[in-house]
Amino acid sequence: MRDEITARVGHEFYSFDGRILELFGREYSWRFHIRHMYMIVTEPDRKGRREVTLGHGTPENRGASLTWRPTAAEWEQSPDLAALLDAVRAALDAPPGR
């Protein structure tokens, strides 16, 4: 992947270049390298909210993590967010060195 994918949800901005996922909020910024991170995205609950957790390490050996809960409206208003998370998932599932 060579093109950067970006998404905006409210006051937060997300950027993924195929290796590094960056998140910028009002009070924080995070960087995750694809080979040292995990991601968990839940299915929508009955109100359409999802829970997205990004963390350093693996789900079994966790480091610092960030969890947020985009509402159904935020999810629908930012189709780029789903595309960005799909790209991150594909990169996480790819064999090392790809």
PDB file of N, CA and C in Angstrom:
ATOM      1  N   MET A   1       0.837  -1.176   0.000  1.00  0.00           N
ATOM      2  CA  MET A   1       0.000   0.000   0.000  1.00  0.00           C
ATOM      3  C   MET A   1       0.880   1.235   0.000  1.00  0.00           C
ATOM      4  N   ARG A   2       0.632   2.136  -0.890  1.00  0.00           N
ATOM      5  CA  ARG A   2       1.458   3.335  -0.977  1.00  0.00           C
ATOM      6  C   ARG A   2       0.688   4.606  -0.678  1.00  0.00           C
ATOM      7  N   ASP A   3      -0.600   4.581  -0.866  1.00  0.00           N
ATOM      8  CA  ASP A   3      -1.395   5.775  -0.645  1.00  0.00           C
ATOM      9  C   ASP A   3      -1.812   5.875   0.807  1.00  0.00           C
ATOM     10  N   GLU A   4      -1.803   7.080   1.292  1.00  0.00           N
ATOM     11  CA  GLU A   4      -2.250   7.338   2.648  1.00  0.00           C
ATOM     12  C   GLU A   4      -3.775   7.360   2.665  1.00  0.00           C
ATOM     13  N   ILE A   5      -4.352   6.746   3.688  1.00  0.00           N
ATOM     14  CA  ILE A   5      -5.792   6.786   3.894  1.00  0.00           C
ATOM     15  C   ILE A   5      -6.031   7.656   5.115  1.00  0.00           C
ATOM     16  N   THR A   6      -6.968   8.574   5.015  1.00  0.00           N
ATOM     17  CA  THR A   6      -7.279   9.440   6.138  1.00  0.00           C
ATOM     18  C   THR A   6      -8.775   9.401   6.417  1.00  0.00           C
ATOM     19  N   ALA A   7      -9.114   9.724   7.649  1.00  0.00           N
ATOM     20  CA  ALA A   7     -10.516   9.811   8.051  1.00  0.00           C
ATOM     21  C   ALA A   7     -10.623  10.846   9.161  1.00  0.00           C
ATOM     22  N   ARG A   8     -11.760  11.483   9.227  1.00  0.00           N
ATOM     23  CA  ARG A   8     -12.040  12.439  10.292  1.00  0.00           C
ATOM     24  C   ARG A   8     -13.361  12.042  10.946  1.00  0.00           C
ATOM     25  N   VAL A   9     -13.349  12.004  12.276  1.00  0.00           N
ATOM     26  CA  VAL A   9     -14.560  11.735  13.046  1.00  0.00           C
ATOM     27  C   VAL A   9     -14.607  12.792  14.143  1.00  0.00           C
ATOM     28  N   GLY A  10     -15.549  13.696  14.045  1.00  0.00           N
ATOM     29  CA  GLY A  10     -15.625  14.784  15.022  1.00  0.00           C
ATOM     30  C   GLY A  10     -14.343  15.591  15.010  1.00  0.00           C
ATOM     31  N   HIS A  11     -13.699  15.685  16.163  1.00  0.00           N
ATOM     32  CA  HIS A  11     -12.450  16.446  16.295  1.00  0.00           C
ATOM     33  C   HIS A  11     -11.212  15.573  16.150  1.00  0.00           C
ATOM     34  N   GLU A  12     -11.395  14.339  15.745  1.00  0.00           N
ATOM     35  CA  GLU A  12     -10.261  13.414  15.631  1.00  0.00           C
ATOM     36  C   GLU A  12      -9.924  13.175  14.165  1.00  0.00           C
ATOM     37  N   PHE A  13      -8.633  12.999  13.916  1.00  0.00           N
ATOM     38  CA  PHE A  13      -8.140  12.754  12.562  1.00  0.00           C
ATOM     39  C   PHE A  13      -7.292  11.492  12.592  1.00  0.00           C
ATOM     40  N   TYR A  14      -7.484  10.617  11.604  1.00  0.00           N
ATOM     41  CA  TYR A  14      -6.792   9.336  11.519  1.00  0.00           C
ATOM     42  C   TYR A  14      -6.045   9.270  10.201  1.00  0.00           C
ATOM     43  N   SER A  15      -4.847   8.706  10.224  1.00  0.00           N
ATOM     44  CA  SER A  15      -4.034   8.587   9.017  1.00  0.00           C
ATOM     45  C   SER A  15      -3.329   7.231   9.038  1.00  0.00           C
ATOM     46  N   PHE A  16      -3.342   6.524   7.892  1.00  0.00           N
ATOM     47  CA  PHE A  16      -2.670   5.232   7.788  1.00  0.00           C
ATOM     48  C   PHE A  16      -1.956   5.160   6.452  1.00  0.00           C
ATOM     49  N   ASP A  17      -0.661   4.875   6.490  1.00  0.00           N
ATOM     50  CA  ASP A  17       0.140   4.820   5.261  1.00  0.00           C
ATOM     51  C   ASP A  17       0.553   3.406   4.875  1.00  0.00           C
ATOM     52  N   GLY A  18      -0.017   2.412   5.535  1.00  0.00           N
ATOM     53  CA  GLY A  18       0.333   1.031   5.249  1.00  0.00           C
ATOM     54  C   GLY A  18       1.251   0.422   6.299  1.00  0.00           C
ATOM     55  N   ARG A  19       1.944   1.273   7.048  1.00  0.00           N
ATOM     56  CA  ARG A  19       2.829   0.814   8.116  1.00  0.00           C
ATOM     57  C   ARG A  19       2.512   1.458   9.455  1.00  0.00           C
ATOM     58  N   ILE A  20       2.233   2.760   9.424  1.00  0.00           N
ATOM     59  CA  ILE A  20       2.023   3.519  10.649  1.00  0.00           C
ATOM     60  C   ILE A  20       0.594   4.061  10.679  1.00  0.00           C
ATOM     61  N   LEU A  21      -0.103   3.798  11.769  1.00  0.00           N
ATOM     62  CA  LEU A  21      -1.420   4.363  12.011  1.00  0.00           C
ATOM     63  C   LEU A  21      -1.240   5.503  13.010  1.00  0.00           C
ATOM     64  N   GLU A  22      -1.719   6.686  12.640  1.00  0.00           N
ATOM     65  CA  GLU A  22      -1.619   7.844  13.519  1.00  0.00           C
ATOM     66  C   GLU A  22      -3.012   8.364  13.838  1.00  0.00           C
ATOM     67  N   LEU A  23      -3.211   8.744  15.089  1.00  0.00           N
ATOM     68  CA  LEU A  23      -4.478   9.300  15.551  1.00  0.00           C
ATOM     69  C   LEU A  23      -4.183  10.635  16.227  1.00  0.00           C
ATOM     70  N   PHE A  24      -4.925  11.630  15.844  1.00  0.00           N
ATOM     71  CA  PHE A  24      -4.743  12.962  16.406  1.00  0.00           C
ATOM     72  C   PHE A  24      -6.073  13.444  16.974  1.00  0.00           C
ATOM     73  N   GLY A  25      -6.094  13.729  18.246  1.00  0.00           N
ATOM     74  CA  GLY A  25      -7.286  14.252  18.903  1.00  0.00           C
ATOM     75  C   GLY A  25      -6.983  15.596  19.525  1.00  0.00           C
ATOM     76  N   ARG A  26      -7.953  16.140  20.224  1.00  0.00           N
ATOM     77  CA  ARG A  26      -7.748  17.436  20.874  1.00  0.00           C
ATOM     78  C   ARG A  26      -6.666  17.373  21.941  1.00  0.00           C
ATOM     79  N   GLU A  27      -6.640  16.287  22.678  1.00  0.00           N
ATOM     80  CA  GLU A  27      -5.734  16.206  23.824  1.00  0.00           C
ATOM     81  C   GLU A  27      -4.698  15.106  23.717  1.00  0.00           C
ATOM     82  N   TYR A  28      -4.591  14.465  22.559  1.00  0.00           N
ATOM     83  CA  TYR A  28      -3.643  13.358  22.449  1.00  0.00           C
ATOM     84  C   TYR A  28      -3.251  13.137  20.991  1.00  0.00           C
ATOM     85  N   SER A  29      -2.174  12.418  20.818  1.00  0.00           N
ATOM     86  CA  SER A  29      -1.812  11.860  19.513  1.00  0.00           C
ATOM     87  C   SER A  29      -1.152  10.508  19.787  1.00  0.00           C
ATOM     88  N   TRP A  30      -1.445   9.538  18.937  1.00  0.00           N
ATOM     89  CA  TRP A  30      -0.922   8.182  19.089  1.00  0.00           C
ATOM     90  C   TRP A  30      -0.343   7.736  17.761  1.00  0.00           C
ATOM     91  N   ARG A  31       0.686   6.906  17.834  1.00  0.00           N
ATOM     92  CA  ARG A  31       1.276   6.257  16.656  1.00  0.00           C
ATOM     93  C   ARG A  31       1.387   4.770  16.958  1.00  0.00           C
ATOM     94  N   PHE A  32       0.964   3.973  15.987  1.00  0.00           N
ATOM     95  CA  PHE A  32       1.044   2.527  16.110  1.00  0.00           C
ATOM     96  C   PHE A  32       1.756   1.982  14.881  1.00  0.00           C
ATOM     97  N   HIS A  33       2.759   1.146  15.082  1.00  0.00           N
ATOM     98  CA  HIS A  33       3.393   0.454  13.967  1.00  0.00           C
ATOM     99  C   HIS A  33       2.651  -0.854  13.744  1.00  0.00           C
ATOM    100  N   ILE A  34       2.390  -1.179  12.512  1.00  0.00           N
ATOM    101  CA  ILE A  34       1.539  -2.311  12.157  1.00  0.00           C
ATOM    102  C   ILE A  34       2.085  -3.641  12.701  1.00  0.00           C
ATOM    103  N   ARG A  35       3.385  -3.762  12.883  1.00  0.00           N
ATOM    104  CA  ARG A  35       3.972  -5.014  13.370  1.00  0.00           C
ATOM    105  C   ARG A  35       4.054  -5.073  14.885  1.00  0.00           C
ATOM    106  N   HIS A  36       3.552  -4.051  15.552  1.00  0.00           N
ATOM    107  CA  HIS A  36       3.558  -4.076  17.021  1.00  0.00           C
ATOM    108  C   HIS A  36       2.257  -3.478  17.541  1.00  0.00           C
ATOM    109  N   MET A  37       1.150  -3.967  16.982  1.00  0.00           N
ATOM    110  CA  MET A  37      -0.139  -3.467  17.428  1.00  0.00           C
ATOM    111  C   MET A  37      -1.219  -4.511  17.238  1.00  0.00           C
ATOM    112  N   TYR A  38      -2.329  -4.283  17.887  1.00  0.00           N
ATOM    113  CA  TYR A  38      -3.517  -5.104  17.665  1.00  0.00           C
ATOM    114  C   TYR A  38      -4.715  -4.160  17.550  1.00  0.00           C
ATOM    115  N   MET A  39      -5.770  -4.667  16.962  1.00  0.00           N
ATOM    116  CA  MET A  39      -6.988  -3.887  16.791  1.00  0.00           C
ATOM    117  C   MET A  39      -8.182  -4.802  17.025  1.00  0.00           C
ATOM    118  N   ILE A  40      -9.136  -4.305  17.796  1.00  0.00           N
ATOM    119  CA  ILE A  40     -10.382  -5.020  18.028  1.00  0.00           C
ATOM    120  C   ILE A  40     -11.521  -4.059  17.700  1.00  0.00           C
ATOM    121  N   VAL A  41     -12.412  -4.460  16.797  1.00  0.00           N
ATOM    122  CA  VAL A  41     -13.587  -3.663  16.446  1.00  0.00           C
ATOM    123  C   VAL A  41     -14.808  -4.540  16.669  1.00  0.00           C
ATOM    124  N   THR A  42     -15.696  -4.093  17.534  1.00  0.00           N
ATOM    125  CA  THR A  42     -16.892  -4.880  17.819  1.00  0.00           C
ATOM    126  C   THR A  42     -17.964  -4.620  16.761  1.00  0.00           C
ATOM    127  N   GLU A  43     -18.907  -5.514  16.704  1.00  0.00           N
ATOM    128  CA  GLU A  43     -20.093  -5.299  15.873  1.00  0.00           C
ATOM    129  C   GLU A  43     -20.933  -4.202  16.534  1.00  0.00           C
ATOM    130  N   PRO A  44     -21.790  -3.543  15.775  1.00  0.00           N
ATOM    131  CA  PRO A  44     -22.612  -2.494  16.381  1.00  0.00           C
ATOM    132  C   PRO A  44     -23.552  -3.061  17.448  1.00  0.00           C
ATOM    133  N   ASP A  45     -23.734  -2.283  18.522  1.00  0.00           N
ATOM    134  CA  ASP A  45     -24.706  -2.681  19.536  1.00  0.00           C
ATOM    135  C   ASP A  45     -26.110  -2.294  19.065  1.00  0.00           C
ATOM    136  N   ARG A  46     -27.104  -2.425  19.905  1.00  0.00           N
ATOM    137  CA  ARG A  46     -28.479  -2.168  19.470  1.00  0.00           C
ATOM    138  C   ARG A  46     -28.718  -0.707  19.097  1.00  0.00           C
ATOM    139  N   LYS A  47     -27.842   0.202  19.550  1.00  0.00           N
ATOM    140  CA  LYS A  47     -27.957   1.613  19.167  1.00  0.00           C
ATOM    141  C   LYS A  47     -26.996   1.984  18.039  1.00  0.00           C
ATOM    142  N   GLY A  48     -26.287   0.998  17.514  1.00  0.00           N
ATOM    143  CA  GLY A  48     -25.379   1.238  16.398  1.00  0.00           C
ATOM    144  C   GLY A  48     -23.980   1.653  16.773  1.00  0.00           C
ATOM    145  N   ARG A  49     -23.678   1.704  18.071  1.00  0.00           N
ATOM    146  CA  ARG A  49     -22.326   2.072  18.507  1.00  0.00           C
ATOM    147  C   ARG A  49     -21.391   0.877  18.384  1.00  0.00           C
ATOM    148  N   ARG A  50     -20.184   1.157  18.019  1.00  0.00           N
ATOM    149  CA  ARG A  50     -19.130   0.136  17.982  1.00  0.00           C
ATOM    150  C   ARG A  50     -18.069   0.525  19.002  1.00  0.00           C
ATOM    151  N   GLU A  51     -17.242  -0.430  19.347  1.00  0.00           N
ATOM    152  CA  GLU A  51     -16.098  -0.151  20.201  1.00  0.00           C
ATOM    153  C   GLU A  51     -14.849  -0.515  19.421  1.00  0.00           C
ATOM    154  N   VAL A  52     -13.940   0.431  19.314  1.00  0.00           N
ATOM    155  CA  VAL A  52     -12.689   0.226  18.592  1.00  0.00           C
ATOM    156  C   VAL A  52     -11.549   0.340  19.602  1.00  0.00           C
ATOM    157  N   THR A  53     -10.734  -0.702  19.687  1.00  0.00           N
ATOM    158  CA  THR A  53      -9.571  -0.689  20.571  1.00  0.00           C
ATOM    159  C   THR A  53      -8.323  -0.895  19.730  1.00  0.00           C
ATOM    160  N   LEU A  54      -7.374   0.009  19.894  1.00  0.00           N
ATOM    161  CA  LEU A  54      -6.064  -0.103  19.265  1.00  0.00           C
ATOM    162  C   LEU A  54      -5.043  -0.161  20.384  1.00  0.00           C
ATOM    163  N   GLY A  55      -4.090  -1.054  20.260  1.00  0.00           N
ATOM    164  CA  GLY A  55      -3.104  -1.169  21.321  1.00  0.00           C
ATOM    165  C   GLY A  55      -1.745  -1.605  20.814  1.00  0.00           C
ATOM    166  N   HIS A  56      -0.748  -1.306  21.616  1.00  0.00           N
ATOM    167  CA  HIS A  56       0.611  -1.763  21.335  1.00  0.00           C
ATOM    168  C   HIS A  56       0.753  -3.178  21.851  1.00  0.00           C
ATOM    169  N   GLY A  57       1.450  -4.016  21.130  1.00  0.00           N
ATOM    170  CA  GLY A  57       1.649  -5.401  21.534  1.00  0.00           C
ATOM    171  C   GLY A  57       0.651  -6.308  20.851  1.00  0.00           C
ATOM    172  N   THR A  58       0.162  -7.306  21.589  1.00  0.00           N
ATOM    173  CA  THR A  58      -0.827  -8.253  21.076  1.00  0.00           C
ATOM    174  C   THR A  58      -1.968  -8.333  22.088  1.00  0.00           C
ATOM    175  N   PRO A  59      -3.121  -8.874  21.688  1.00  0.00           N
ATOM    176  CA  PRO A  59      -4.207  -9.009  22.675  1.00  0.00           C
ATOM    177  C   PRO A  59      -3.803  -9.848  23.885  1.00  0.00           C
ATOM    178  N   GLU A  60      -2.884 -10.795  23.694  1.00  0.00           N
ATOM    179  CA  GLU A  60      -2.432 -11.640  24.798  1.00  0.00           C
ATOM    180  C   GLU A  60      -1.353 -10.956  25.637  1.00  0.00           C
ATOM    181  N   ASN A  61      -0.589 -10.054  25.055  1.00  0.00           N
ATOM    182  CA  ASN A  61       0.523  -9.379  25.727  1.00  0.00           C
ATOM    183  C   ASN A  61       0.370  -7.882  25.472  1.00  0.00           C
ATOM    184  N   ARG A  62      -0.566  -7.286  26.158  1.00  0.00           N
ATOM    185  CA  ARG A  62      -0.974  -5.917  25.868  1.00  0.00           C
ATOM    186  C   ARG A  62      -0.049  -4.871  26.458  1.00  0.00           C
ATOM    187  N   GLY A  63       0.091  -3.800  25.679  1.00  0.00           N
ATOM    188  CA  GLY A  63       0.748  -2.595  26.154  1.00  0.00           C
ATOM    189  C   GLY A  63      -0.304  -1.504  26.271  1.00  0.00           C
ATOM    190  N   ALA A  64       0.115  -0.272  26.094  1.00  0.00           N
ATOM    191  CA  ALA A  64      -0.820   0.851  26.151  1.00  0.00           C
ATOM    192  C   ALA A  64      -1.861   0.697  25.047  1.00  0.00           C
ATOM    193  N   SER A  65      -3.096   1.110  25.352  1.00  0.00           N
ATOM    194  CA  SER A  65      -4.149   0.994  24.353  1.00  0.00           C
ATOM    195  C   SER A  65      -5.071   2.201  24.414  1.00  0.00           C
ATOM    196  N   LEU A  66      -5.823   2.359  23.362  1.00  0.00           N
ATOM    197  CA  LEU A  66      -6.790   3.445  23.225  1.00  0.00           C
ATOM    198  C   LEU A  66      -8.102   2.825  22.761  1.00  0.00           C
ATOM    199  N   THR A  67      -9.187   3.151  23.439  1.00  0.00           N
ATOM    200  CA  THR A  67     -10.511   2.642  23.063  1.00  0.00           C
ATOM    201  C   THR A  67     -11.436   3.826  22.858  1.00  0.00           C
ATOM    202  N   TRP A  68     -12.186   3.778  21.774  1.00  0.00           N
ATOM    203  CA  TRP A  68     -13.208   4.789  21.566  1.00  0.00           C
ATOM    204  C   TRP A  68     -14.453   4.125  21.018  1.00  0.00           C
ATOM    205  N   ARG A  69     -15.563   4.816  21.139  1.00  0.00           N
ATOM    206  CA  ARG A  69     -16.866   4.269  20.774  1.00  0.00           C
ATOM    207  C   ARG A  69     -17.584   5.198  19.804  1.00  0.00           C
ATOM    208  N   PRO A  70     -17.315   5.055  18.507  1.00  0.00           N
ATOM    209  CA  PRO A  70     -18.028   5.912  17.555  1.00  0.00           C
ATOM    210  C   PRO A  70     -19.514   5.559  17.529  1.00  0.00           C
ATOM    211  N   THR A  71     -20.340   6.584  17.507  1.00  0.00           N
ATOM    212  CA  THR A  71     -21.786   6.374  17.431  1.00  0.00           C
ATOM    213  C   THR A  71     -22.162   5.940  16.023  1.00  0.00           C
ATOM    214  N   ALA A  72     -23.400   5.488  15.872  1.00  0.00           N
ATOM    215  CA  ALA A  72     -23.885   5.103  14.543  1.00  0.00           C
ATOM    216  C   ALA A  72     -23.820   6.292  13.596  1.00  0.00           C
ATOM    217  N   ALA A  73     -24.168   7.481  14.085  1.00  0.00           N
ATOM    218  CA  ALA A  73     -24.135   8.680  13.239  1.00  0.00           C
ATOM    219  C   ALA A  73     -22.702   9.002  12.818  1.00  0.00           C
ATOM    220  N   GLU A  74     -21.748   8.927  13.750  1.00  0.00           N
ATOM    221  CA  GLU A  74     -20.350   9.192  13.400  1.00  0.00           C
ATOM    222  C   GLU A  74     -19.845   8.179  12.379  1.00  0.00           C
ATOM    223  N   TRP A  75     -20.222   6.916  12.565  1.00  0.00           N
ATOM    224  CA  TRP A  75     -19.789   5.860  11.652  1.00  0.00           C
ATOM    225  C   TRP A  75     -20.319   6.124  10.246  1.00  0.00           C
ATOM    226  N   GLU A  76     -21.591   6.496  10.158  1.00  0.00           N
ATOM    227  CA  GLU A  76     -22.209   6.762   8.858  1.00  0.00           C
ATOM    228  C   GLU A  76     -21.681   8.038   8.214  1.00  0.00           C
ATOM    229  N   GLN A  77     -21.360   9.044   9.011  1.00  0.00           N
ATOM    230  CA  GLN A  77     -20.875  10.317   8.484  1.00  0.00           C
ATOM    231  C   GLN A  77     -19.418  10.249   8.056  1.00  0.00           C
ATOM    232  N   SER A  78     -18.722   9.183   8.418  1.00  0.00           N
ATOM    233  CA  SER A  78     -17.317   9.042   8.043  1.00  0.00           C
ATOM    234  C   SER A  78     -17.070   7.675   7.411  1.00  0.00           C
ATOM    235  N   PRO A  79     -17.510   7.489   6.146  1.00  0.00           N
ATOM    236  CA  PRO A  79     -17.263   6.202   5.495  1.00  0.00           C
ATOM    237  C   PRO A  79     -15.768   5.915   5.342  1.00  0.00           C
ATOM    238  N   ASP A  80     -14.949   6.975   5.391  1.00  0.00           N
ATOM    239  CA  ASP A  80     -13.501   6.776   5.307  1.00  0.00           C
ATOM    240  C   ASP A  80     -12.966   6.029   6.519  1.00  0.00           C
ATOM    241  N   LEU A  81     -13.644   6.143   7.665  1.00  0.00           N
ATOM    242  CA  LEU A  81     -13.182   5.443   8.862  1.00  0.00           C
ATOM    243  C   LEU A  81     -13.248   3.936   8.669  1.00  0.00           C
ATOM    244  N   ALA A  82     -14.350   3.432   8.114  1.00  0.00           N
ATOM    245  CA  ALA A  82     -14.466   1.992   7.864  1.00  0.00           C
ATOM    246  C   ALA A  82     -13.404   1.533   6.879  1.00  0.00           C
ATOM    247  N   ALA A  83     -13.153   2.323   5.836  1.00  0.00           N
ATOM    248  CA  ALA A  83     -12.124   1.970   4.848  1.00  0.00           C
ATOM    249  C   ALA A  83     -10.740   1.958   5.492  1.00  0.00           C
ATOM    250  N   LEU A  84     -10.460   2.932   6.349  1.00  0.00           N
ATOM    251  CA  LEU A  84      -9.166   2.988   7.030  1.00  0.00           C
ATOM    252  C   LEU A  84      -8.994   1.777   7.939  1.00  0.00           C
ATOM    253  N   LEU A  85     -10.014   1.445   8.723  1.00  0.00           N
ATOM    254  CA  LEU A  85      -9.914   0.289   9.621  1.00  0.00           C
ATOM    255  C   LEU A  85      -9.808  -1.020   8.840  1.00  0.00           C
ATOM    256  N   ASP A  86     -10.470  -1.106   7.693  1.00  0.00           N
ATOM    257  CA  ASP A  86     -10.326  -2.289   6.835  1.00  0.00           C
ATOM    258  C   ASP A  86      -8.892  -2.417   6.332  1.00  0.00           C
ATOM    259  N   ALA A  87      -8.279  -1.285   5.957  1.00  0.00           N
ATOM    260  CA  ALA A  87      -6.889  -1.309   5.483  1.00  0.00           C
ATOM    261  C   ALA A  87      -5.935  -1.713   6.605  1.00  0.00           C
ATOM    262  N   VAL A  88      -6.195  -1.226   7.809  1.00  0.00           N
ATOM    263  CA  VAL A  88      -5.371  -1.618   8.960  1.00  0.00           C
ATOM    264  C   VAL A  88      -5.525  -3.112   9.212  1.00  0.00           C
ATOM    265  N   ARG A  89      -6.764  -3.612   9.177  1.00  0.00           N
ATOM    266  CA  ARG A  89      -7.003  -5.047   9.394  1.00  0.00           C
ATOM    267  C   ARG A  89      -6.258  -5.880   8.354  1.00  0.00           C
ATOM    268  N   ALA A  90      -6.323  -5.467   7.088  1.00  0.00           N
ATOM    269  CA  ALA A  90      -5.623  -6.199   6.023  1.00  0.00           C
ATOM    270  C   ALA A  90      -4.124  -6.203   6.264  1.00  0.00           C
ATOM    271  N   ALA A  91      -3.573  -5.076   6.704  1.00  0.00           N
ATOM    272  CA  ALA A  91      -2.136  -5.014   6.976  1.00  0.00           C
ATOM    273  C   ALA A  91      -1.771  -5.875   8.193  1.00  0.00           C
ATOM    274  N   LEU A  92      -2.627  -5.910   9.188  1.00  0.00           N
ATOM    275  CA  LEU A  92      -2.374  -6.757  10.368  1.00  0.00           C
ATOM    276  C   LEU A  92      -2.392  -8.235   9.991  1.00  0.00           C
ATOM    277  N   ASP A  93      -3.280  -8.602   9.058  1.00  0.00           N
ATOM    278  CA  ASP A  93      -3.423 -10.001   8.659  1.00  0.00           C
ATOM    279  C   ASP A  93      -2.378 -10.445   7.624  1.00  0.00           C
ATOM    280  N   ALA A  94      -1.685  -9.493   7.010  1.00  0.00           N
ATOM    281  CA  ALA A  94      -0.682  -9.827   5.978  1.00  0.00           C
ATOM    282  C   ALA A  94       0.547 -10.454   6.646  1.00  0.00           C
ATOM    283  N   PRO A  95       1.193 -11.375   5.934  1.00  0.00           N
ATOM    284  CA  PRO A  95       2.421 -11.964   6.487  1.00  0.00           C
ATOM    285  C   PRO A  95       3.500 -10.891   6.671  1.00  0.00           C
ATOM    286  N   PRO A  96       4.373 -11.041   7.683  1.00  0.00           N
ATOM    287  CA  PRO A  96       5.458 -10.080   7.879  1.00  0.00           C
ATOM    288  C   PRO A  96       6.279  -9.926   6.598  1.00  0.00           C
ATOM    289  N   GLY A  97       6.740  -8.702   6.374  1.00  0.00           N
ATOM    290  CA  GLY A  97       7.558  -8.431   5.198  1.00  0.00           C
ATOM    291  C   GLY A  97       6.748  -8.028   3.992  1.00  0.00           C
ATOM    292  N   ARG A  98       5.438  -8.012   4.082  1.00  0.00           N
ATOM    293  CA  ARG A  98       4.577  -7.611   2.958  1.00  0.00           C
ATOM    294  C   ARG A  98       4.062  -6.228   3.161  1.00  0.00           C
TER     295      ARG A  98
END
